[in-house]
PDB file of N, CA and C in Angstrom:
ATOM      1  N   MET A   1      52.769 -28.972 -22.847  1.00  0.00           N
ATOM      2  CA  MET A   1      51.725 -28.699 -21.896  1.00  0.00           C
ATOM      3  C   MET A   1      50.643 -29.751 -22.056  1.00  0.00           C
ATOM      4  N   LYS A   2      50.184 -30.214 -20.973  1.00  0.00           N
ATOM      5  CA  LYS A   2      49.198 -31.283 -20.970  1.00  0.00           C
ATOM      6  C   LYS A   2      47.799 -30.683 -21.084  1.00  0.00           C
ATOM      7  N   GLU A   3      46.990 -31.223 -21.981  1.00  0.00           N
ATOM      8  CA  GLU A   3      45.614 -30.769 -22.136  1.00  0.00           C
ATOM      9  C   GLU A   3      44.758 -31.339 -21.037  1.00  0.00           C
ATOM     10  N   LYS A   4      43.810 -30.532 -20.580  1.00  0.00           N
ATOM     11  CA  LYS A   4      42.896 -30.988 -19.541  1.00  0.00           C
ATOM     12  C   LYS A   4      41.504 -31.044 -20.152  1.00  0.00           C
ATOM     13  N   ASN A   5      40.861 -32.148 -20.032  1.00  0.00           N
ATOM     14  CA  ASN A   5      39.493 -32.283 -20.519  1.00  0.00           C
ATOM     15  C   ASN A   5      38.534 -31.846 -19.412  1.00  0.00           C
ATOM     16  N   ILE A   6      37.655 -30.929 -19.766  1.00  0.00           N
ATOM     17  CA  ILE A   6      36.676 -30.408 -18.817  1.00  0.00           C
ATOM     18  C   ILE A   6      35.312 -30.950 -19.207  1.00  0.00           C
ATOM     19  N   THR A   7      34.625 -31.487 -18.237  1.00  0.00           N
ATOM     20  CA  THR A   7      33.289 -32.014 -18.513  1.00  0.00           C
ATOM     21  C   THR A   7      32.299 -30.856 -18.546  1.00  0.00           C
ATOM     22  N   ILE A   8      31.139 -31.115 -19.105  1.00  0.00           N
ATOM     23  CA  ILE A   8      30.070 -30.121 -19.178  1.00  0.00           C
ATOM     24  C   ILE A   8      29.680 -29.677 -17.765  1.00  0.00           C
ATOM     25  N   ASN A   9      29.601 -30.614 -16.838  1.00  0.00           N
ATOM     26  CA  ASN A   9      29.232 -30.280 -15.458  1.00  0.00           C
ATOM     27  C   ASN A   9      30.273 -29.370 -14.811  1.00  0.00           C
ATOM     28  N   GLU A  10      31.560 -29.640 -15.052  1.00  0.00           N
ATOM     29  CA  GLU A  10      32.613 -28.792 -14.498  1.00  0.00           C
ATOM     30  C   GLU A  10      32.531 -27.381 -15.093  1.00  0.00           C
ATOM     31  N   LEU A  11      32.306 -27.325 -16.390  1.00  0.00           N
ATOM     32  CA  LEU A  11      32.171 -26.035 -17.068  1.00  0.00           C
ATOM     33  C   LEU A  11      30.965 -25.275 -16.519  1.00  0.00           C
ATOM     34  N   ALA A  12      29.871 -25.987 -16.338  1.00  0.00           N
ATOM     35  CA  ALA A  12      28.662 -25.364 -15.786  1.00  0.00           C
ATOM     36  C   ALA A  12      28.937 -24.820 -14.384  1.00  0.00           C
ATOM     37  N   ARG A  13      29.669 -25.568 -13.546  1.00  0.00           N
ATOM     38  CA  ARG A  13      30.011 -25.097 -12.196  1.00  0.00           C
ATOM     39  C   ARG A  13      30.894 -23.848 -12.258  1.00  0.00           C
ATOM     40  N   MET A  14      31.865 -23.828 -13.173  1.00  0.00           N
ATOM     41  CA  MET A  14      32.749 -22.663 -13.303  1.00  0.00           C
ATOM     42  C   MET A  14      31.958 -21.430 -13.740  1.00  0.00           C
ATOM     43  N   VAL A  15      31.057 -21.627 -14.694  1.00  0.00           N
ATOM     44  CA  VAL A  15      30.242 -20.504 -15.169  1.00  0.00           C
ATOM     45  C   VAL A  15      29.345 -20.009 -14.039  1.00  0.00           C
ATOM     46  N   LYS A  16      28.726 -20.950 -13.308  1.00  0.00           N
ATOM     47  CA  LYS A  16      27.867 -20.579 -12.191  1.00  0.00           C
ATOM     48  C   LYS A  16      28.660 -19.816 -11.135  1.00  0.00           C
ATOM     49  N   THR A  17      29.859 -20.279 -10.815  1.00  0.00           N
ATOM     50  CA  THR A  17      30.710 -19.593  -9.832  1.00  0.00           C
ATOM     51  C   THR A  17      31.002 -18.176 -10.298  1.00  0.00           C
ATOM     52  N   GLY A  18      31.328 -18.015 -11.563  1.00  0.00           N
ATOM     53  CA  GLY A  18      31.596 -16.680 -12.125  1.00  0.00           C
ATOM     54  C   GLY A  18      30.373 -15.775 -12.024  1.00  0.00           C
ATOM     55  N   PHE A  19      29.207 -16.317 -12.377  1.00  0.00           N
ATOM     56  CA  PHE A  19      27.976 -15.527 -12.289  1.00  0.00           C
ATOM     57  C   PHE A  19      27.647 -15.189 -10.837  1.00  0.00           C
ATOM     58  N   ASP A  20      27.848 -16.125  -9.927  1.00  0.00           N
ATOM     59  CA  ASP A  20      27.577 -15.871  -8.512  1.00  0.00           C
ATOM     60  C   ASP A  20      28.479 -14.757  -7.972  1.00  0.00           C
ATOM     61  N   GLU A  21      29.765 -14.814  -8.331  1.00  0.00           N
ATOM     62  CA  GLU A  21      30.695 -13.769  -7.888  1.00  0.00           C
ATOM     63  C   GLU A  21      30.298 -12.411  -8.471  1.00  0.00           C
ATOM     64  N   MET A  22      29.939 -12.411  -9.752  1.00  0.00           N
ATOM     65  CA  MET A  22      29.541 -11.165 -10.409  1.00  0.00           C
ATOM     66  C   MET A  22      28.252 -10.633  -9.789  1.00  0.00           C
ATOM     67  N   SER A  23      27.338 -11.521  -9.479  1.00  0.00           N
ATOM     68  CA  SER A  23      26.066 -11.125  -8.869  1.00  0.00           C
ATOM     69  C   SER A  23      26.299 -10.468  -7.515  1.00  0.00           C
ATOM     70  N   GLY A  24      27.176 -11.044  -6.709  1.00  0.00           N
ATOM     71  CA  GLY A  24      27.493 -10.461  -5.402  1.00  0.00           C
ATOM     72  C   GLY A  24      28.108  -9.089  -5.534  1.00  0.00           C
ATOM     73  N   THR A  25      29.025  -8.941  -6.488  1.00  0.00           N
ATOM     74  CA  THR A  25      29.669  -7.645  -6.718  1.00  0.00           C
ATOM     75  C   THR A  25      28.649  -6.610  -7.166  1.00  0.00           C
ATOM     76  N   MET A  26      27.783  -7.015  -8.094  1.00  0.00           N
ATOM     77  CA  MET A  26      26.770  -6.085  -8.598  1.00  0.00           C
ATOM     78  C   MET A  26      25.793  -5.699  -7.489  1.00  0.00           C
ATOM     79  N   LYS A  27      25.400  -6.667  -6.669  1.00  0.00           N
ATOM     80  CA  LYS A  27      24.469  -6.363  -5.577  1.00  0.00           C
ATOM     81  C   LYS A  27      25.078  -5.351  -4.619  1.00  0.00           C
ATOM     82  N   ALA A  28      26.345  -5.542  -4.285  1.00  0.00           N
ATOM     83  CA  ALA A  28      27.025  -4.599  -3.389  1.00  0.00           C
ATOM     84  C   ALA A  28      27.056  -3.202  -4.014  1.00  0.00           C
ATOM     85  N   GLY A  29      27.336  -3.153  -5.302  1.00  0.00           N
ATOM     86  CA  GLY A  29      27.374  -1.864  -6.001  1.00  0.00           C
ATOM     87  C   GLY A  29      26.010  -1.197  -6.028  1.00  0.00           C
ATOM     88  N   PHE A  30      24.976  -1.982  -6.331  1.00  0.00           N
ATOM     89  CA  PHE A  30      23.624  -1.437  -6.360  1.00  0.00           C
ATOM     90  C   PHE A  30      23.171  -0.996  -4.969  1.00  0.00           C
ATOM     91  N   ASP A  31      23.584  -1.716  -3.938  1.00  0.00           N
ATOM     92  CA  ASP A  31      23.247  -1.319  -2.570  1.00  0.00           C
ATOM     93  C   ASP A  31      23.862   0.046  -2.241  1.00  0.00           C
ATOM     94  N   LYS A  32      25.108   0.251  -2.669  1.00  0.00           N
ATOM     95  CA  LYS A  32      25.762   1.545  -2.439  1.00  0.00           C
ATOM     96  C   LYS A  32      25.028   2.661  -3.165  1.00  0.00           C
ATOM     97  N   VAL A  33      24.653   2.397  -4.411  1.00  0.00           N
ATOM     98  CA  VAL A  33      23.926   3.402  -5.191  1.00  0.00           C
ATOM     99  C   VAL A  33      22.577   3.704  -4.533  1.00  0.00           C
ATOM    100  N   GLU A  34      21.886   2.674  -4.093  1.00  0.00           N
ATOM    101  CA  GLU A  34      20.586   2.868  -3.440  1.00  0.00           C
ATOM    102  C   GLU A  34      20.737   3.681  -2.158  1.00  0.00           C
ATOM    103  N   ASN A  35      21.761   3.379  -1.365  1.00  0.00           N
ATOM    104  CA  ASN A  35      22.001   4.150  -0.139  1.00  0.00           C
ATOM    105  C   ASN A  35      22.291   5.607  -0.453  1.00  0.00           C
ATOM    106  N   ARG A  36      23.074   5.818  -1.488  1.00  0.00           N
ATOM    107  CA  ARG A  36      23.414   7.192  -1.887  1.00  0.00           C
ATOM    108  C   ARG A  36      22.162   7.946  -2.332  1.00  0.00           C
ATOM    109  N   LEU A  37      21.321   7.299  -3.124  1.00  0.00           N
ATOM    110  CA  LEU A  37      20.090   7.946  -3.578  1.00  0.00           C
ATOM    111  C   LEU A  37      19.157   8.246  -2.408  1.00  0.00           C
ATOM    112  N   THR A  38      19.094   7.342  -1.454  1.00  0.00           N
ATOM    113  CA  THR A  38      18.271   7.571  -0.267  1.00  0.00           C
ATOM    114  C   THR A  38      18.780   8.781   0.508  1.00  0.00           C
ATOM    115  N   THR A  39      20.100   8.876   0.649  1.00  0.00           N
ATOM    116  CA  THR A  39      20.694  10.020   1.338  1.00  0.00           C
ATOM    117  C   THR A  39      20.377  11.314   0.603  1.00  0.00           C
ATOM    118  N   LEU A  40      20.476  11.298  -0.723  1.00  0.00           N
ATOM    119  CA  LEU A  40      20.167  12.489  -1.518  1.00  0.00           C
ATOM    120  C   LEU A  40      18.699  12.867  -1.392  1.00  0.00           C
ATOM    121  N   ASP A  41      17.815  11.879  -1.432  1.00  0.00           N
ATOM    122  CA  ASP A  41      16.377  12.147  -1.279  1.00  0.00           C
ATOM    123  C   ASP A  41      16.083  12.781   0.076  1.00  0.00           C
ATOM    124  N   ASN A  42      16.687  12.234   1.124  1.00  0.00           N
ATOM    125  CA  ASN A  42      16.473  12.787   2.462  1.00  0.00           C
ATOM    126  C   ASN A  42      16.996  14.215   2.556  1.00  0.00           C
ATOM    127  N   GLY A  43      18.153  14.455   1.970  1.00  0.00           N
ATOM    128  CA  GLY A  43      18.718  15.803   1.971  1.00  0.00           C
ATOM    129  C   GLY A  43      17.839  16.780   1.213  1.00  0.00           C
ATOM    130  N   GLN A  44      17.289  16.333   0.097  1.00  0.00           N
ATOM    131  CA  GLN A  44      16.414  17.187  -0.702  1.00  0.00           C
ATOM    132  C   GLN A  44      15.143  17.526   0.080  1.00  0.00           C
ATOM    133  N   GLU A  45      14.582  16.569   0.783  1.00  0.00           N
ATOM    134  CA  GLU A  45      13.391  16.821   1.597  1.00  0.00           C
ATOM    135  C   GLU A  45      13.706  17.828   2.707  1.00  0.00           C
ATOM    136  N   GLU A  46      14.881  17.691   3.311  1.00  0.00           N
ATOM    137  CA  GLU A  46      15.279  18.623   4.369  1.00  0.00           C
ATOM    138  C   GLU A  46      15.404  20.043   3.812  1.00  0.00           C
ATOM    139  N   ILE A  47      15.981  20.166   2.619  1.00  0.00           N
ATOM    140  CA  ILE A  47      16.125  21.480   1.980  1.00  0.00           C
ATOM    141  C   ILE A  47      14.750  22.069   1.683  1.00  0.00           C
ATOM    142  N   LYS A  48      13.840  21.251   1.166  1.00  0.00           N
ATOM    143  CA  LYS A  48      12.481  21.733   0.876  1.00  0.00           C
ATOM    144  C   LYS A  48      11.809  22.241   2.141  1.00  0.00           C
ATOM    145  N   LEU A  49      11.958  21.516   3.240  1.00  0.00           N
ATOM    146  CA  LEU A  49      11.343  21.944   4.500  1.00  0.00           C
ATOM    147  C   LEU A  49      11.922  23.277   4.972  1.00  0.00           C
ATOM    148  N   ARG A  50      13.225  23.422   4.853  1.00  0.00           N
ATOM    149  CA  ARG A  50      13.853  24.676   5.271  1.00  0.00           C
ATOM    150  C   ARG A  50      13.398  25.832   4.395  1.00  0.00           C
ATOM    151  N   LEU A  51      13.342  25.605   3.084  1.00  0.00           N
ATOM    152  CA  LEU A  51      12.967  26.681   2.169  1.00  0.00           C
ATOM    153  C   LEU A  51      11.506  27.066   2.302  1.00  0.00           C
ATOM    154  N   SER A  52      10.674  26.143   2.733  1.00  0.00           N
ATOM    155  CA  SER A  52       9.253  26.468   2.871  1.00  0.00           C
ATOM    156  C   SER A  52       9.029  27.468   4.001  1.00  0.00           C
ATOM    157  N   ASN A  53       9.989  27.626   4.892  1.00  0.00           N
ATOM    158  CA  ASN A  53       9.871  28.567   6.007  1.00  0.00           C
ATOM    159  C   ASN A  53      10.680  29.843   5.792  1.00  0.00           C
ATOM    160  N   VAL A  54      11.197  30.049   4.583  1.00  0.00           N
ATOM    161  CA  VAL A  54      12.040  31.213   4.300  1.00  0.00           C
ATOM    162  C   VAL A  54      11.239  32.220   3.472  1.00  0.00           C
ATOM    163  N   ALA A  55      11.325  33.489   3.868  1.00  0.00           N
ATOM    164  CA  ALA A  55      10.654  34.536   3.107  1.00  0.00           C
ATOM    165  C   ALA A  55      11.413  34.787   1.802  1.00  0.00           C
ATOM    166  N   TYR A  56      10.665  35.119   0.776  1.00  0.00           N
ATOM    167  CA  TYR A  56      11.293  35.468  -0.495  1.00  0.00           C
ATOM    168  C   TYR A  56      11.982  36.821  -0.357  1.00  0.00           C
ATOM    169  N   ARG A  57      13.019  37.022  -1.120  1.00  0.00           N
ATOM    170  CA  ARG A  57      13.823  38.247  -1.032  1.00  0.00           C
ATOM    171  C   ARG A  57      12.965  39.480  -1.275  1.00  0.00           C
ATOM    172  N   PHE A  58      12.064  39.452  -2.252  1.00  0.00           N
ATOM    173  CA  PHE A  58      11.257  40.632  -2.548  1.00  0.00           C
ATOM    174  C   PHE A  58      10.336  40.968  -1.367  1.00  0.00           C
ATOM    175  N   GLU A  59       9.910  39.946  -0.607  1.00  0.00           N
ATOM    176  CA  GLU A  59       9.080  40.200   0.568  1.00  0.00           C
ATOM    177  C   GLU A  59       9.894  40.894   1.660  1.00  0.00           C
ATOM    178  N   VAL A  60      11.120  40.469   1.835  1.00  0.00           N
ATOM    179  CA  VAL A  60      11.992  41.077   2.836  1.00  0.00           C
ATOM    180  C   VAL A  60      12.280  42.535   2.469  1.00  0.00           C
ATOM    181  N   VAL A  61      12.539  42.795   1.193  1.00  0.00           N
ATOM    182  CA  VAL A  61      12.815  44.162   0.741  1.00  0.00           C
ATOM    183  C   VAL A  61      11.586  45.041   0.965  1.00  0.00           C
ATOM    184  N   GLU A  62      10.418  44.517   0.647  1.00  0.00           N
ATOM    185  CA  GLU A  62       9.179  45.281   0.849  1.00  0.00           C
ATOM    186  C   GLU A  62       8.970  45.598   2.328  1.00  0.00           C
ATOM    187  N   LEU A  63       9.214  44.637   3.188  1.00  0.00           N
ATOM    188  CA  LEU A  63       9.077  44.867   4.631  1.00  0.00           C
ATOM    189  C   LEU A  63      10.085  45.900   5.127  1.00  0.00           C
ATOM    190  N   GLU A  64      11.313  45.843   4.604  1.00  0.00           N
ATOM    191  CA  GLU A  64      12.316  46.848   4.979  1.00  0.00           C
ATOM    192  C   GLU A  64      11.849  48.244   4.586  1.00  0.00           C
ATOM    193  N   ASN A  65      11.286  48.368   3.392  1.00  0.00           N
ATOM    194  CA  ASN A  65      10.784  49.667   2.931  1.00  0.00           C
ATOM    195  C   ASN A  65       9.648  50.157   3.818  1.00  0.00           C
ATOM    196  N   GLN A  66       8.766  49.264   4.207  1.00  0.00           N
ATOM    197  CA  GLN A  66       7.657  49.643   5.085  1.00  0.00           C
ATOM    198  C   GLN A  66       8.169  50.086   6.445  1.00  0.00           C
ATOM    199  N   VAL A  67       9.150  49.404   6.986  1.00  0.00           N
ATOM    200  CA  VAL A  67       9.729  49.785   8.281  1.00  0.00           C
ATOM    201  C   VAL A  67      10.380  51.166   8.179  1.00  0.00           C
ATOM    202  N   LYS A  68      11.095  51.419   7.089  1.00  0.00           N
ATOM    203  CA  LYS A  68      11.723  52.739   6.907  1.00  0.00           C
ATOM    204  C   LYS A  68      10.669  53.833   6.844  1.00  0.00           C
ATOM    205  N   THR A  69       9.600  53.586   6.097  1.00  0.00           N
ATOM    206  CA  THR A  69       8.523  54.569   5.976  1.00  0.00           C
ATOM    207  C   THR A  69       7.862  54.820   7.330  1.00  0.00           C
ATOM    208  N   LEU A  70       7.567  53.745   8.055  1.00  0.00           N
ATOM    209  CA  LEU A  70       6.944  53.891   9.370  1.00  0.00           C
ATOM    210  C   LEU A  70       7.862  54.600  10.361  1.00  0.00           C
ATOM    211  N   THR A  71       9.161  54.326  10.268  1.00  0.00           N
ATOM    212  CA  THR A  71      10.122  54.995  11.146  1.00  0.00           C
ATOM    213  C   THR A  71      10.138  56.495  10.873  1.00  0.00           C
ATOM    214  N   LYS A  72      10.117  56.873   9.598  1.00  0.00           N
ATOM    215  CA  LYS A  72      10.092  58.307   9.247  1.00  0.00           C
ATOM    216  C   LYS A  72       8.816  58.966   9.765  1.00  0.00           C
ATOM    217  N   GLN A  73       7.685  58.283   9.575  1.00  0.00           N
ATOM    218  CA  GLN A  73       6.420  58.828  10.048  1.00  0.00           C
ATOM    219  C   GLN A  73       6.407  58.963  11.567  1.00  0.00           C
ATOM    220  N   MET A  74       6.972  57.986  12.265  1.00  0.00           N
ATOM    221  CA  MET A  74       7.026  58.029  13.717  1.00  0.00           C
ATOM    222  C   MET A  74       7.885  59.208  14.186  1.00  0.00           C
ATOM    223  N   LYS A  75       9.006  59.448  13.523  1.00  0.00           N
ATOM    224  CA  LYS A  75       9.872  60.567  13.898  1.00  0.00           C
ATOM    225  C   LYS A  75       9.177  61.899  13.651  1.00  0.00           C
ATOM    226  N   THR A  76       8.436  61.988  12.550  1.00  0.00           N
ATOM    227  CA  THR A  76       7.696  63.207  12.249  1.00  0.00           C
ATOM    228  C   THR A  76       6.637  63.452  13.315  1.00  0.00           C
ATOM    229  N   LEU A  77       5.912  62.414  13.684  1.00  0.00           N
ATOM    230  CA  LEU A  77       4.900  62.545  14.728  1.00  0.00           C
ATOM    231  C   LEU A  77       5.523  62.920  16.072  1.00  0.00           C
ATOM    232  N   GLU A  78       6.670  62.331  16.353  1.00  0.00           N
ATOM    233  CA  GLU A  78       7.368  62.631  17.601  1.00  0.00           C
ATOM    234  C   GLU A  78       7.752  64.113  17.650  1.00  0.00           C
ATOM    235  N   ARG A  79       8.249  64.638  16.534  1.00  0.00           N
ATOM    236  CA  ARG A  79       8.622  66.059  16.478  1.00  0.00           C
ATOM    237  C   ARG A  79       7.398  66.950  16.672  1.00  0.00           C
ATOM    238  N   LEU A  80       6.278  66.578  16.035  1.00  0.00           N
ATOM    239  CA  LEU A  80       5.054  67.361  16.168  1.00  0.00           C
ATOM    240  C   LEU A  80       4.558  67.358  17.612  1.00  0.00           C
ATOM    241  N   VAL A  81       4.559  66.188  18.233  1.00  0.00           N
ATOM    242  CA  VAL A  81       4.101  66.079  19.617  1.00  0.00           C
ATOM    243  C   VAL A  81       5.016  66.876  20.541  1.00  0.00           C
ATOM    244  N   MET A  82       6.310  66.751  20.342  1.00  0.00           N
ATOM    245  CA  MET A  82       7.251  67.472  21.197  1.00  0.00           C
ATOM    246  C   MET A  82       7.092  68.990  21.035  1.00  0.00           C
ATOM    247  N   SER A  83       6.899  69.444  19.798  1.00  0.00           N
ATOM    248  CA  SER A  83       6.732  70.887  19.588  1.00  0.00           C
ATOM    249  C   SER A  83       5.422  71.371  20.209  1.00  0.00           C
ATOM    250  N   LYS A  84       4.378  70.544  20.168  1.00  0.00           N
ATOM    251  CA  LYS A  84       3.103  70.917  20.773  1.00  0.00           C
ATOM    252  C   LYS A  84       3.241  70.974  22.293  1.00  0.00           C
ATOM    253  N   ILE A  85       3.972  70.018  22.862  1.00  0.00           N
ATOM    254  CA  ILE A  85       4.200  70.009  24.308  1.00  0.00           C
ATOM    255  C   ILE A  85       4.979  71.252  24.724  1.00  0.00           C
ATOM    256  N   LYS A  86       5.987  71.618  23.940  1.00  0.00           N
ATOM    257  CA  LYS A  86       6.785  72.797  24.256  1.00  0.00           C
ATOM    258  C   LYS A  86       5.929  74.063  24.188  1.00  0.00           C
ATOM    259  N   ARG A  87       5.049  74.158  23.164  1.00  0.00           N
ATOM    260  CA  ARG A  87       4.172  75.325  23.036  1.00  0.00           C
ATOM    261  C   ARG A  87       3.217  75.427  24.216  1.00  0.00           C
ATOM    262  N   GLN A  88       2.682  74.276  24.622  1.00  0.00           N
ATOM    263  CA  GLN A  88       1.757  74.290  25.754  1.00  0.00           C
ATOM    264  C   GLN A  88       2.483  74.674  27.033  1.00  0.00           C
ATOM    265  N   GLY A  89       3.732  74.274  27.141  1.00  0.00           N
ATOM    266  CA  GLY A  89       4.527  74.638  28.310  1.00  0.00           C
ATOM    267  C   GLY A  89       4.825  76.116  28.342  1.00  0.00           C
ATOM    268  N   ASN A  90       5.043  76.722  27.174  1.00  0.00           N
ATOM    269  CA  ASN A  90       5.327  78.146  27.079  1.00  0.00           C
ATOM    270  C   ASN A  90       4.065  78.981  27.344  1.00  0.00           C
ATOM    271  N   GLU A  91       2.897  78.460  26.995  1.00  0.00           N
ATOM    272  CA  GLU A  91       1.645  79.155  27.166  1.00  0.00           C
ATOM    273  C   GLU A  91       1.212  79.138  28.632  1.00  0.00           C
ATOM    274  N   ALA A  92       1.675  78.204  29.378  1.00  0.00           N
ATOM    275  CA  ALA A  92       1.224  78.083  30.769  1.00  0.00           C
ATOM    276  C   ALA A  92       1.876  79.044  31.690  1.00  0.00           C
TER     277      ALA A  92
END
């Protein structure tokens, strides 16, 4: 096999070419990572906005209990009013 003598300038060009190729590959990789992080950040902001408009579970349960109580009271009042109307009708 024949030996090839490489000059310092040729070696420097080969090293530079290798670094340039590696730099391009790394830049592409970092660009992908940056895009992914941007997408995640945007998604997280969207989730925060949605959650800021959502009632907490304990608030919903409390409101359900209040509605049940008010419904019972309304039915009781309705029965009282109806019985009073019936009595007044019988008295007339």
